[in-house]
Amino acid sequence: MQYLVSVIDDKSNPGSTDRQPAISVFNERLIEDGYWVFAGGLADTDAATVVDNRGEQAVLTDGPFLESKEYLAGFWIWEAPDLDVVLKLAAEASKVCDRKIEVRPFQ
């Protein structure tokens, strides 16, 4: 089963900015152990654009769809046999990247 593993940062209490070397080592282990599918870091929320084309015309709005002190900073997609494995890896990921982690299975 595949899981979306979201990295949550907090504008009022951000994670450490020097975590990239540790994250790279963690990512290499995910690849070697066969859990890695894809990952990516995201630009700051100031770079976001919301597109709403549910009406007569598309409306483009600068900024995130939701103003919040917490925001999505990046994500992984992992393939694992069950949720227990992913939660164990997510606990490690939270420590490695010094941020909260949210785990959600794909439907």
N, C-alpha and C. Protein backbone atom coordinates (compact mmCIF):
# COMPACT_ATOMS: atom_id res chain seq x y z
N MET A 1 0.84 -1.17 0.00
CA MET A 1 0.00 0.00 0.00
C MET A 1 0.89 1.24 0.00
N GLN A 2 0.41 2.29 -0.63
CA GLN A 2 1.15 3.55 -0.67
C GLN A 2 0.57 4.54 0.32
N TYR A 3 1.46 5.39 0.84
CA TYR A 3 1.09 6.39 1.85
C TYR A 3 1.67 7.74 1.48
N LEU A 4 0.88 8.78 1.71
CA LEU A 4 1.36 10.16 1.62
C LEU A 4 1.87 10.53 3.00
N VAL A 5 3.13 10.89 3.07
CA VAL A 5 3.77 11.25 4.33
C VAL A 5 4.12 12.73 4.23
N SER A 6 3.33 13.57 4.90
CA SER A 6 3.46 15.02 4.79
C SER A 6 4.33 15.58 5.90
N VAL A 7 5.18 16.52 5.52
CA VAL A 7 6.04 17.22 6.47
C VAL A 7 5.37 18.55 6.80
N ILE A 8 5.06 18.74 8.07
CA ILE A 8 4.34 19.93 8.52
C ILE A 8 5.30 20.85 9.26
N ASP A 9 5.43 22.08 8.79
CA ASP A 9 6.26 23.07 9.49
C ASP A 9 5.34 24.07 10.17
N ASP A 10 5.91 24.89 11.01
CA ASP A 10 5.15 25.83 11.84
C ASP A 10 5.84 27.18 11.79
N LYS A 11 5.15 28.19 11.26
CA LYS A 11 5.76 29.52 11.13
C LYS A 11 6.14 30.13 12.48
N SER A 12 5.40 29.80 13.54
CA SER A 12 5.72 30.38 14.85
C SER A 12 6.79 29.57 15.58
N ASN A 13 7.07 28.35 15.15
CA ASN A 13 8.08 27.50 15.78
C ASN A 13 8.67 26.57 14.73
N PRO A 14 9.42 27.13 13.76
CA PRO A 14 9.89 26.32 12.63
C PRO A 14 10.93 25.29 13.04
N GLY A 15 11.00 24.23 12.24
CA GLY A 15 12.03 23.22 12.46
C GLY A 15 13.40 23.76 12.08
N SER A 16 14.43 23.02 12.45
CA SER A 16 15.80 23.42 12.15
C SER A 16 16.02 23.52 10.65
N THR A 17 16.83 24.46 10.23
CA THR A 17 17.10 24.65 8.80
C THR A 17 18.32 23.87 8.33
N ASP A 18 19.03 23.21 9.23
CA ASP A 18 20.26 22.49 8.88
C ASP A 18 20.04 20.99 8.76
N ARG A 19 18.85 20.56 8.48
CA ARG A 19 18.51 19.13 8.50
C ARG A 19 18.75 18.40 7.18
N GLN A 20 19.06 19.11 6.10
CA GLN A 20 19.15 18.46 4.79
C GLN A 20 20.14 17.31 4.73
N PRO A 21 21.34 17.40 5.32
CA PRO A 21 22.23 16.23 5.26
C PRO A 21 21.61 14.99 5.93
N ALA A 22 20.98 15.15 7.07
CA ALA A 22 20.35 14.02 7.76
C ALA A 22 19.16 13.48 6.95
N ILE A 23 18.41 14.37 6.33
CA ILE A 23 17.28 13.94 5.50
C ILE A 23 17.78 13.15 4.30
N SER A 24 18.89 13.58 3.70
CA SER A 24 19.45 12.85 2.56
C SER A 24 19.87 11.44 2.96
N VAL A 25 20.47 11.28 4.13
CA VAL A 25 20.86 9.95 4.61
C VAL A 25 19.61 9.10 4.84
N PHE A 26 18.58 9.68 5.45
CA PHE A 26 17.32 8.97 5.69
C PHE A 26 16.70 8.55 4.35
N ASN A 27 16.70 9.46 3.38
CA ASN A 27 16.14 9.14 2.06
C ASN A 27 16.89 7.98 1.40
N GLU A 28 18.21 7.97 1.51
CA GLU A 28 18.99 6.87 0.94
C GLU A 28 18.59 5.54 1.57
N ARG A 29 18.33 5.54 2.87
CA ARG A 29 17.90 4.31 3.54
C ARG A 29 16.52 3.88 3.05
N LEU A 30 15.61 4.86 2.87
CA LEU A 30 14.28 4.53 2.35
C LEU A 30 14.39 3.88 0.97
N ILE A 31 15.28 4.40 0.14
CA ILE A 31 15.48 3.85 -1.20
C ILE A 31 16.04 2.43 -1.11
N GLU A 32 17.08 2.26 -0.30
CA GLU A 32 17.72 0.94 -0.16
C GLU A 32 16.75 -0.11 0.38
N ASP A 33 15.86 0.30 1.30
CA ASP A 33 14.93 -0.64 1.92
C ASP A 33 13.64 -0.84 1.11
N GLY A 34 13.52 -0.12 -0.02
CA GLY A 34 12.39 -0.32 -0.91
C GLY A 34 11.11 0.42 -0.55
N TYR A 35 11.18 1.39 0.36
CA TYR A 35 9.98 2.15 0.76
C TYR A 35 9.76 3.40 -0.11
N TRP A 36 10.81 3.92 -0.67
CA TRP A 36 10.76 5.18 -1.42
C TRP A 36 9.98 5.04 -2.71
N VAL A 37 9.05 5.95 -2.95
CA VAL A 37 8.38 6.07 -4.25
C VAL A 37 8.73 7.42 -4.85
N PHE A 38 8.55 8.49 -4.06
CA PHE A 38 8.80 9.86 -4.53
C PHE A 38 8.84 10.78 -3.33
N ALA A 39 9.50 11.92 -3.47
CA ALA A 39 9.52 12.93 -2.41
C ALA A 39 9.80 14.29 -3.01
N GLY A 40 9.44 15.33 -2.28
CA GLY A 40 9.74 16.68 -2.72
C GLY A 40 9.52 17.69 -1.61
N GLY A 41 10.38 18.68 -1.58
CA GLY A 41 10.19 19.82 -0.68
C GLY A 41 9.40 20.89 -1.42
N LEU A 42 8.67 21.70 -0.69
CA LEU A 42 7.84 22.72 -1.31
C LEU A 42 8.35 24.12 -0.98
N ALA A 43 8.16 25.04 -1.92
CA ALA A 43 8.49 26.45 -1.70
C ALA A 43 7.61 27.00 -0.59
N ASP A 44 7.99 28.13 -0.06
CA ASP A 44 7.21 28.79 1.00
C ASP A 44 5.79 29.07 0.53
N THR A 45 4.88 29.18 1.47
CA THR A 45 3.47 29.42 1.14
C THR A 45 3.25 30.72 0.38
N ASP A 46 4.18 31.66 0.49
CA ASP A 46 4.07 32.92 -0.27
C ASP A 46 4.11 32.68 -1.78
N ALA A 47 4.67 31.54 -2.19
CA ALA A 47 4.77 31.21 -3.62
C ALA A 47 3.54 30.48 -4.15
N ALA A 48 2.58 30.19 -3.28
CA ALA A 48 1.39 29.42 -3.68
C ALA A 48 0.38 30.28 -4.44
N THR A 49 -0.35 29.63 -5.34
CA THR A 49 -1.48 30.24 -6.03
C THR A 49 -2.64 29.25 -5.97
N VAL A 50 -3.81 29.75 -5.59
CA VAL A 50 -5.02 28.93 -5.55
C VAL A 50 -5.81 29.21 -6.82
N VAL A 51 -6.22 28.15 -7.51
CA VAL A 51 -7.02 28.26 -8.74
C VAL A 51 -8.41 27.69 -8.44
N ASP A 52 -9.45 28.51 -8.64
CA ASP A 52 -10.83 28.07 -8.43
C ASP A 52 -11.60 28.31 -9.73
N ASN A 53 -11.86 27.22 -10.44
CA ASN A 53 -12.57 27.32 -11.72
C ASN A 53 -13.94 26.64 -11.63
N ARG A 54 -14.60 26.81 -10.50
CA ARG A 54 -15.93 26.21 -10.33
C ARG A 54 -17.05 27.11 -10.81
N GLY A 55 -16.75 28.34 -11.14
CA GLY A 55 -17.78 29.27 -11.58
C GLY A 55 -17.67 29.56 -13.06
N GLU A 56 -18.09 30.74 -13.45
CA GLU A 56 -18.06 31.17 -14.85
C GLU A 56 -16.65 31.34 -15.37
N GLN A 57 -15.75 31.74 -14.48
CA GLN A 57 -14.39 32.06 -14.89
C GLN A 57 -13.43 31.64 -13.78
N ALA A 58 -12.23 31.23 -14.17
CA ALA A 58 -11.23 30.84 -13.18
C ALA A 58 -10.81 32.05 -12.35
N VAL A 59 -10.71 31.84 -11.04
CA VAL A 59 -10.25 32.89 -10.12
C VAL A 59 -8.91 32.43 -9.56
N LEU A 60 -7.90 33.27 -9.71
CA LEU A 60 -6.57 32.98 -9.19
C LEU A 60 -6.32 33.86 -7.98
N THR A 61 -5.88 33.24 -6.88
CA THR A 61 -5.63 33.97 -5.65
C THR A 61 -4.22 33.66 -5.17
N ASP A 62 -3.45 34.69 -4.87
CA ASP A 62 -2.10 34.49 -4.33
C ASP A 62 -2.17 33.96 -2.91
N GLY A 63 -1.20 33.13 -2.58
CA GLY A 63 -1.10 32.63 -1.22
C GLY A 63 -1.75 31.27 -1.06
N PRO A 64 -1.58 30.68 0.11
CA PRO A 64 -2.12 29.34 0.35
C PRO A 64 -3.64 29.35 0.42
N PHE A 65 -4.25 28.18 0.23
CA PHE A 65 -5.71 28.10 0.27
C PHE A 65 -6.24 28.32 1.67
N LEU A 66 -5.38 28.15 2.67
CA LEU A 66 -5.78 28.31 4.05
C LEU A 66 -4.68 29.04 4.80
N GLU A 67 -5.01 30.15 5.45
CA GLU A 67 -4.04 30.86 6.27
C GLU A 67 -3.91 30.13 7.60
N SER A 68 -2.71 29.72 7.93
CA SER A 68 -2.47 28.96 9.14
C SER A 68 -1.01 29.11 9.55
N LYS A 69 -0.73 28.95 10.84
CA LYS A 69 0.67 28.98 11.26
C LYS A 69 1.39 27.71 10.82
N GLU A 70 0.65 26.59 10.66
CA GLU A 70 1.24 25.36 10.17
C GLU A 70 0.98 25.23 8.67
N TYR A 71 1.93 24.64 7.98
CA TYR A 71 1.79 24.50 6.53
C TYR A 71 2.56 23.28 6.04
N LEU A 72 2.20 22.81 4.86
CA LEU A 72 2.86 21.68 4.23
C LEU A 72 4.20 22.14 3.66
N ALA A 73 5.28 21.58 4.19
CA ALA A 73 6.62 21.98 3.77
C ALA A 73 7.23 21.02 2.76
N GLY A 74 6.71 19.80 2.71
CA GLY A 74 7.22 18.80 1.79
C GLY A 74 6.49 17.50 2.01
N PHE A 75 6.87 16.48 1.25
CA PHE A 75 6.16 15.21 1.37
C PHE A 75 7.01 14.07 0.82
N TRP A 76 6.66 12.89 1.25
CA TRP A 76 7.17 11.65 0.67
C TRP A 76 5.95 10.84 0.24
N ILE A 77 6.16 9.95 -0.71
CA ILE A 77 5.22 8.87 -0.97
C ILE A 77 6.01 7.59 -0.73
N TRP A 78 5.50 6.79 0.21
CA TRP A 78 6.17 5.54 0.58
C TRP A 78 5.28 4.36 0.22
N GLU A 79 5.91 3.26 -0.10
CA GLU A 79 5.24 1.98 -0.32
C GLU A 79 5.67 1.07 0.83
N ALA A 80 4.69 0.54 1.57
CA ALA A 80 5.01 -0.31 2.72
C ALA A 80 3.92 -1.36 2.89
N PRO A 81 4.25 -2.47 3.55
CA PRO A 81 3.28 -3.55 3.70
C PRO A 81 2.11 -3.21 4.62
N ASP A 82 2.34 -2.30 5.58
CA ASP A 82 1.23 -1.96 6.49
C ASP A 82 1.51 -0.65 7.22
N LEU A 83 0.49 -0.15 7.89
CA LEU A 83 0.57 1.13 8.59
C LEU A 83 1.61 1.12 9.71
N ASP A 84 1.77 0.01 10.39
CA ASP A 84 2.74 -0.06 11.49
C ASP A 84 4.16 0.27 11.00
N VAL A 85 4.53 -0.25 9.86
CA VAL A 85 5.85 0.03 9.29
C VAL A 85 5.97 1.52 8.99
N VAL A 86 4.94 2.10 8.37
CA VAL A 86 4.97 3.52 8.00
C VAL A 86 5.03 4.41 9.23
N LEU A 87 4.29 4.07 10.27
CA LEU A 87 4.31 4.90 11.48
C LEU A 87 5.68 4.87 12.16
N LYS A 88 6.33 3.73 12.12
CA LYS A 88 7.69 3.65 12.67
C LYS A 88 8.65 4.52 11.86
N LEU A 89 8.55 4.44 10.53
CA LEU A 89 9.38 5.28 9.67
C LEU A 89 9.04 6.76 9.85
N ALA A 90 7.76 7.07 10.02
CA ALA A 90 7.34 8.46 10.20
C ALA A 90 7.90 9.04 11.50
N ALA A 91 7.98 8.23 12.54
CA ALA A 91 8.58 8.70 13.80
C ALA A 91 10.05 9.06 13.57
N GLU A 92 10.75 8.22 12.81
CA GLU A 92 12.15 8.53 12.47
C GLU A 92 12.23 9.79 11.62
N ALA A 93 11.33 9.92 10.65
CA ALA A 93 11.33 11.08 9.75
C ALA A 93 11.11 12.37 10.54
N SER A 94 10.21 12.33 11.50
CA SER A 94 9.94 13.52 12.32
C SER A 94 11.20 13.95 13.06
N LYS A 95 11.93 12.99 13.59
CA LYS A 95 13.18 13.29 14.31
C LYS A 95 14.22 13.84 13.34
N VAL A 96 14.35 13.18 12.18
CA VAL A 96 15.37 13.56 11.20
C VAL A 96 15.14 14.96 10.66
N CYS A 97 13.90 15.29 10.32
CA CYS A 97 13.66 16.61 9.71
C CYS A 97 13.19 17.66 10.71
N ASP A 98 13.05 17.29 11.98
CA ASP A 98 12.70 18.22 13.05
C ASP A 98 11.37 18.94 12.77
N ARG A 99 10.40 18.16 12.32
CA ARG A 99 9.08 18.70 12.02
C ARG A 99 8.03 17.62 12.29
N LYS A 100 6.77 18.05 12.38
CA LYS A 100 5.67 17.10 12.51
C LYS A 100 5.51 16.35 11.19
N ILE A 101 4.96 15.15 11.29
CA ILE A 101 4.71 14.32 10.11
C ILE A 101 3.26 13.84 10.17
N GLU A 102 2.55 13.94 9.04
CA GLU A 102 1.21 13.39 8.92
C GLU A 102 1.26 12.23 7.93
N VAL A 103 0.63 11.12 8.29
CA VAL A 103 0.58 9.92 7.44
C VAL A 103 -0.85 9.69 6.99
N ARG A 104 -1.04 9.52 5.68
CA ARG A 104 -2.37 9.20 5.14
C ARG A 104 -2.23 8.16 4.04
N PRO A 105 -2.97 7.07 4.14
CA PRO A 105 -2.93 6.07 3.07
C PRO A 105 -3.68 6.57 1.84
N PHE A 106 -3.21 6.14 0.68
CA PHE A 106 -3.96 6.40 -0.55
C PHE A 106 -5.16 5.47 -0.58
N GLN A 107 -6.23 5.90 -1.22
CA GLN A 107 -7.43 5.06 -1.34
C GLN A 107 -7.20 3.96 -2.33
